[in-house]
C-alpha atoms as a PDB file:
ATOM      1  CA  MET A   1    -219.910 -22.187  84.391  1.00  0.00           C
ATOM      2  CA  ASN A   2    -222.727 -19.950  83.298  1.00  0.00           C
ATOM      3  CA  ILE A   3    -220.448 -16.962  83.909  1.00  0.00           C
ATOM      4  CA  ILE A   4    -218.407 -17.718  80.803  1.00  0.00           C
ATOM      5  CA  ARG A   5    -221.554 -18.300  78.750  1.00  0.00           C
ATOM      6  CA  ASN A   6    -222.975 -14.994  79.994  1.00  0.00           C
ATOM      7  CA  VAL A   7    -219.817 -13.146  78.976  1.00  0.00           C
ATOM      8  CA  TYR A   8    -220.009 -14.604  75.465  1.00  0.00           C
ATOM      9  CA  SER A   9    -223.735 -13.834  75.326  1.00  0.00           C
ATOM     10  CA  TRP A  10    -222.900 -10.102  75.454  1.00  0.00           C
ATOM     11  CA  PHE A  11    -221.395 -10.556  71.985  1.00  0.00           C
ATOM     12  CA  ASN A  12    -224.330 -12.579  70.648  1.00  0.00           C
ATOM     13  CA  PRO A  13    -225.331  -9.760  68.222  1.00  0.00           C
ATOM     14  CA  ILE A  14    -221.878  -9.995  66.625  1.00  0.00           C
ATOM     15  CA  TYR A  15    -221.896 -13.680  65.699  1.00  0.00           C
ATOM     16  CA  GLY A  16    -225.601 -14.533  65.636  1.00  0.00           C
ATOM     17  CA  THR A  17    -228.355 -16.159  67.649  1.00  0.00           C
ATOM     18  CA  ASP A  18    -228.234 -19.494  65.826  1.00  0.00           C
ATOM     19  CA  LEU A  19    -224.557 -19.967  66.583  1.00  0.00           C
ATOM     20  CA  TYR A  20    -225.174 -18.877  70.181  1.00  0.00           C
ATOM     21  CA  GLU A  21    -227.902 -21.496  70.634  1.00  0.00           C
ATOM     22  CA  TYR A  22    -225.645 -24.222  69.250  1.00  0.00           C
ATOM     23  CA  LEU A  23    -222.684 -23.204  71.396  1.00  0.00           C
ATOM     24  CA  LYS A  24    -224.923 -23.069  74.447  1.00  0.00           C
ATOM     25  CA  GLY A  25    -225.590 -26.778  73.928  1.00  0.00           C
ATOM     26  CA  ASN A  26    -229.196 -26.650  72.778  1.00  0.00           C
ATOM     27  CA  ASP A  27    -230.622 -28.970  70.149  1.00  0.00           C
ATOM     28  CA  CYS A  28    -233.039 -27.884  67.418  1.00  0.00           C
ATOM     29  CA  ASP A  29    -235.967 -27.929  69.859  1.00  0.00           C
ATOM     30  CA  GLY A  30    -234.217 -25.621  72.353  1.00  0.00           C
ATOM     31  CA  VAL A  31    -233.524 -28.420  74.829  1.00  0.00           C
ATOM     32  CA  PHE A  32    -230.065 -28.599  76.405  1.00  0.00           C
ATOM     33  CA  VAL A  33    -228.303 -31.718  75.204  1.00  0.00           C
ATOM     34  CA  GLY A  34    -224.733 -30.474  75.649  1.00  0.00           C
ATOM     35  CA  PRO A  35    -221.926 -29.934  75.488  1.00  0.00           C
ATOM     36  CA  ASN A  36    -221.630 -26.313  76.513  1.00  0.00           C
ATOM     37  CA  HIS A  37    -219.009 -25.142  73.992  1.00  0.00           C
ATOM     38  CA  PHE A  38    -218.605 -21.812  75.749  1.00  0.00           C
ATOM     39  CA  GLN A  39    -216.821 -23.561  78.610  1.00  0.00           C
ATOM     40  CA  THR A  40    -214.313 -25.140  76.253  1.00  0.00           C
ATOM     41  CA  ILE A  41    -213.633 -21.975  74.286  1.00  0.00           C
ATOM     42  CA  GLY A  42    -213.622 -19.794  77.406  1.00  0.00           C
ATOM     43  CA  PHE A  43    -211.111 -21.982  79.234  1.00  0.00           C
ATOM     44  CA  ILE A  44    -208.886 -22.094  76.151  1.00  0.00           C
ATOM     45  CA  ALA A  45    -208.987 -18.273  75.950  1.00  0.00           C
ATOM     46  CA  LEU A  46    -208.286 -18.015  79.678  1.00  0.00           C
ATOM     47  CA  GLY A  47    -205.402 -20.491  79.404  1.00  0.00           C
ATOM     48  CA  ILE A  48    -203.797 -18.692  76.464  1.00  0.00           C
ATOM     49  CA  SER A  49    -204.117 -15.374  78.294  1.00  0.00           C
ATOM     50  CA  LEU A  50    -202.620 -16.837  81.454  1.00  0.00           C
ATOM     51  CA  VAL A  51    -199.683 -18.345  79.573  1.00  0.00           C
ATOM     52  CA  LEU A  52    -198.874 -15.070  77.821  1.00  0.00           C
ATOM     53  CA  VAL A  53    -199.172 -13.102  81.075  1.00  0.00           C
ATOM     54  CA  ALA A  54    -196.767 -15.557  82.718  1.00  0.00           C
ATOM     55  CA  ILE A  55    -194.343 -15.302  79.797  1.00  0.00           C
ATOM     56  CA  TYR A  56    -194.342 -11.503  79.876  1.00  0.00           C
ATOM     57  CA  TYR A  57    -194.129 -10.998  83.642  1.00  0.00           C
ATOM     58  CA  TYR A  58    -192.078 -13.998  84.759  1.00  0.00           C
ATOM     59  CA  LEU A  59    -190.230 -15.632  81.870  1.00  0.00           C
ATOM     60  CA  ILE A  60    -189.060 -12.607  79.871  1.00  0.00           C
ATOM     61  CA  ASN A  61    -189.206 -10.165  82.815  1.00  0.00           C
ATOM     62  CA  HIS A  62    -186.531  -7.838  81.415  1.00  0.00           C
ATOM     63  CA  PRO A  63    -186.059  -4.158  82.398  1.00  0.00           C
ATOM     64  CA  ARG A  64    -185.991  -3.129  78.732  1.00  0.00           C
ATOM     65  CA  LEU A  65    -189.492  -4.526  78.297  1.00  0.00           C
ATOM     66  CA  ASN A  66    -190.930  -2.524  81.174  1.00  0.00           C
ATOM     67  CA  HIS A  67    -192.895  -0.183  78.924  1.00  0.00           C
ATOM     68  CA  TRP A  68    -196.577  -0.044  78.079  1.00  0.00           C
ATOM     69  CA  TRP A  69    -195.966  -0.687  74.365  1.00  0.00           C
ATOM     70  CA  HIS A  70    -194.223  -3.996  75.109  1.00  0.00           C
ATOM     71  CA  TRP A  71    -197.191  -5.010  77.208  1.00  0.00           C
ATOM     72  CA  LEU A  72    -199.443  -3.910  74.349  1.00  0.00           C
ATOM     73  CA  ILE A  73    -197.585  -6.257  71.988  1.00  0.00           C
ATOM     74  CA  PHE A  74    -198.409  -9.184  74.276  1.00  0.00           C
ATOM     75  CA  LEU A  75    -202.017  -7.993  74.530  1.00  0.00           C
ATOM     76  CA  ILE A  76    -202.314  -7.931  70.736  1.00  0.00           C
ATOM     77  CA  LEU A  77    -200.613 -11.326  70.484  1.00  0.00           C
ATOM     78  CA  THR A  78    -203.127 -12.749  72.960  1.00  0.00           C
ATOM     79  CA  GLY A  79    -205.994 -11.303  70.948  1.00  0.00           C
ATOM     80  CA  LEU A  80    -204.721 -12.638  67.621  1.00  0.00           C
ATOM     81  CA  ILE A  81    -204.096 -16.138  68.943  1.00  0.00           C
ATOM     82  CA  ASN A  82    -207.600 -16.242  70.399  1.00  0.00           C
ATOM     83  CA  LEU A  83    -209.110 -14.785  67.219  1.00  0.00           C
ATOM     84  CA  PHE A  84    -207.775 -17.709  65.223  1.00  0.00           C
ATOM     85  CA  THR A  85    -208.613 -20.199  67.983  1.00  0.00           C
ATOM     86  CA  GLY A  86    -212.254 -19.088  68.100  1.00  0.00           C
ATOM     87  CA  PHE A  87    -212.497 -19.012  64.315  1.00  0.00           C
ATOM     88  CA  GLY A  88    -210.905 -22.445  63.941  1.00  0.00           C
ATOM     89  CA  TYR A  89    -213.118 -24.056  66.568  1.00  0.00           C
ATOM     90  CA  ILE A  90    -216.338 -22.912  64.907  1.00  0.00           C
ATOM     91  CA  TYR A  91    -215.072 -23.299  61.331  1.00  0.00           C
ATOM     92  CA  SER A  92    -214.148 -26.937  61.916  1.00  0.00           C
ATOM     93  CA  LYS A  93    -217.564 -27.731  63.394  1.00  0.00           C
ATOM     94  CA  LEU A  94    -219.368 -25.897  60.586  1.00  0.00           C
ATOM     95  CA  ASN A  95    -217.458 -27.551  57.739  1.00  0.00           C
ATOM     96  CA  GLU A  96    -217.524 -31.027  59.268  1.00  0.00           C
ATOM     97  CA  GLY A  97    -221.324 -30.834  59.492  1.00  0.00           C
ATOM     98  CA  ILE A  98    -221.386 -31.183  63.269  1.00  0.00           C
ATOM     99  CA  ILE A  99    -223.663 -28.171  63.749  1.00  0.00           C
ATOM    100  CA  PRO A 100    -227.265 -29.299  63.110  1.00  0.00           C
ATOM    101  CA  ALA A 101    -228.951 -28.126  59.923  1.00  0.00           C
ATOM    102  CA  CYS A 102    -231.641 -26.262  61.857  1.00  0.00           C
ATOM    103  CA  TYR A 103    -228.916 -23.815  62.955  1.00  0.00           C
ATOM    104  CA  THR A 104    -227.017 -23.653  59.682  1.00  0.00           C
ATOM    105  CA  HIS A 105    -229.842 -23.435  57.104  1.00  0.00           C
ATOM    106  CA  SER A 106    -233.162 -21.627  56.937  1.00  0.00           C
ATOM    107  CA  GLN A 107    -234.644 -24.535  54.953  1.00  0.00           C
ATOM    108  CA  PHE A 108    -233.855 -28.155  55.621  1.00  0.00           C
ATOM    109  CA  GLU A 109    -235.090 -31.552  54.534  1.00  0.00           C
ATOM    110  CA  THR A 110    -235.443 -34.808  56.392  1.00  0.00           C
ATOM    111  CA  ALA A 111    -234.141 -37.913  54.674  1.00  0.00           C
ATOM    112  CA  GLY A 112    -235.811 -41.307  54.901  1.00  0.00           C
ATOM    113  CA  ASN A 113    -233.427 -42.409  57.664  1.00  0.00           C
ATOM    114  CA  GLY A 114    -234.276 -39.340  59.787  1.00  0.00           C
ATOM    115  CA  SER A 115    -231.150 -37.333  58.955  1.00  0.00           C
ATOM    116  CA  ILE A 116    -231.609 -33.605  58.518  1.00  0.00           C
ATOM    117  CA  TYR A 117    -229.938 -31.887  55.579  1.00  0.00           C
ATOM    118  CA  GLY A 118    -229.811 -28.197  54.782  1.00  0.00           C
ATOM    119  CA  VAL A 119    -231.090 -26.998  51.426  1.00  0.00           C
ATOM    120  CA  SER A 120    -228.258 -25.478  49.429  1.00  0.00           C
ATOM    121  CA  GLY A 121    -228.475 -21.706  49.100  1.00  0.00           C
ATOM    122  CA  THR A 122    -230.280 -21.194  52.411  1.00  0.00           C
ATOM    123  CA  GLU A 123    -227.244 -20.976  54.670  1.00  0.00           C
ATOM    124  CA  ILE A 124    -227.680 -19.022  57.900  1.00  0.00           C
ATOM    125  CA  LEU A 125    -224.220 -19.683  59.300  1.00  0.00           C
ATOM    126  CA  THR A 126    -221.301 -18.977  57.016  1.00  0.00           C
ATOM    127  CA  ASN A 127    -217.564 -18.440  57.333  1.00  0.00           C
ATOM    128  CA  ALA A 128    -218.342 -14.823  58.229  1.00  0.00           C
ATOM    129  CA  ASN A 129    -220.038 -16.037  61.412  1.00  0.00           C
ATOM    130  CA  CYS A 130    -216.900 -17.999  62.248  1.00  0.00           C
ATOM    131  CA  TRP A 131    -214.793 -14.840  61.909  1.00  0.00           C
ATOM    132  CA  GLN A 132    -217.344 -12.868  63.916  1.00  0.00           C
ATOM    133  CA  PHE A 133    -217.146 -15.403  66.723  1.00  0.00           C
ATOM    134  CA  GLY A 134    -213.365 -15.196  66.514  1.00  0.00           C
ATOM    135  CA  ILE A 135    -213.645 -11.428  67.052  1.00  0.00           C
ATOM    136  CA  ALA A 136    -215.879 -12.012  70.077  1.00  0.00           C
ATOM    137  CA  ASN A 137    -213.316 -14.497  71.406  1.00  0.00           C
ATOM    138  CA  LEU A 138    -210.568 -11.912  70.816  1.00  0.00           C
ATOM    139  CA  ILE A 139    -212.443  -9.357  72.934  1.00  0.00           C
ATOM    140  CA  VAL A 140    -213.056 -11.843  75.743  1.00  0.00           C
ATOM    141  CA  ALA A 141    -209.402 -12.939  75.736  1.00  0.00           C
ATOM    142  CA  ILE A 142    -208.204  -9.331  75.874  1.00  0.00           C
ATOM    143  CA  GLY A 143    -210.417  -8.863  78.921  1.00  0.00           C
ATOM    144  CA  PHE A 144    -208.877 -11.968  80.506  1.00  0.00           C
ATOM    145  CA  PHE A 145    -205.370 -10.707  79.698  1.00  0.00           C
ATOM    146  CA  ILE A 146    -205.990  -7.296  81.254  1.00  0.00           C
ATOM    147  CA  PHE A 147    -207.521  -8.822  84.384  1.00  0.00           C
ATOM    148  CA  LEU A 148    -204.699 -11.341  84.758  1.00  0.00           C
ATOM    149  CA  SER A 149    -202.066  -8.655  84.153  1.00  0.00           C
ATOM    150  CA  PHE A 150    -203.323  -6.553  87.020  1.00  0.00           C
ATOM    151  CA  ALA A 151    -203.667  -9.638  89.228  1.00  0.00           C
ATOM    152  CA  PHE A 152    -200.188 -11.118  88.643  1.00  0.00           C
ATOM    153  CA  LYS A 153    -197.884  -8.252  87.741  1.00  0.00           C
ATOM    154  CA  TRP A 154    -197.014  -7.335  91.340  1.00  0.00           C
ATOM    155  CA  TRP A 155    -194.663 -10.291  91.812  1.00  0.00           C
ATOM    156  CA  SER A 156    -192.619  -9.518  88.722  1.00  0.00           C
ATOM    157  CA  ARG A 157    -189.182  -8.106  89.489  1.00  0.00           C
ATOM    158  CA  ASN A 158    -188.799  -5.852  86.456  1.00  0.00           C
ATOM    159  CA  CYS A 159    -192.202  -5.435  84.816  1.00  0.00           C
ATOM    160  CA  LYS A 160    -194.432  -4.819  87.831  1.00  0.00           C
ATOM    161  CA  TYR A 161    -195.208  -1.267  86.710  1.00  0.00           C
ATOM    162  CA  SER A 162    -196.135  -2.224  83.177  1.00  0.00           C
ATOM    163  CA  PRO A 163    -198.621  -1.273  81.658  1.00  0.00           C
ATOM    164  CA  ILE A 164    -199.045   1.563  84.161  1.00  0.00           C
END
């Protein structure tokens, strides 16, 4: 699933190279050790977009909601849900210490047992990077929502001409 990783790589300047390398599944030496987090996040974003497309076109499917601004509400809802999903995924890994210190700190120390610890005050990845990745996830999810809307709207009885 390099396609999903490539899509997220377009937004690499937004959230940072260190976070990109970690999410790609590389260790501190640049060797792939897995898992590829882009697959997980990408499929979650795709699933959320698909669910909201199905809700709008098939579950609600009301003639009063056959306007572009109602569709826009669902688009924004998809983006916001995926913003917080992307943020939460990275934030939990950052604060639990799962992301290796070589990606989170510019200076790190090795303990006697071989553990790597980041030196306080040299943080590379912060909460801002988590929000920036959430924004990248929002953009990707909006793209999924638009694509899925145009793919599935034709079988809706009332909303097939929304957004256009």
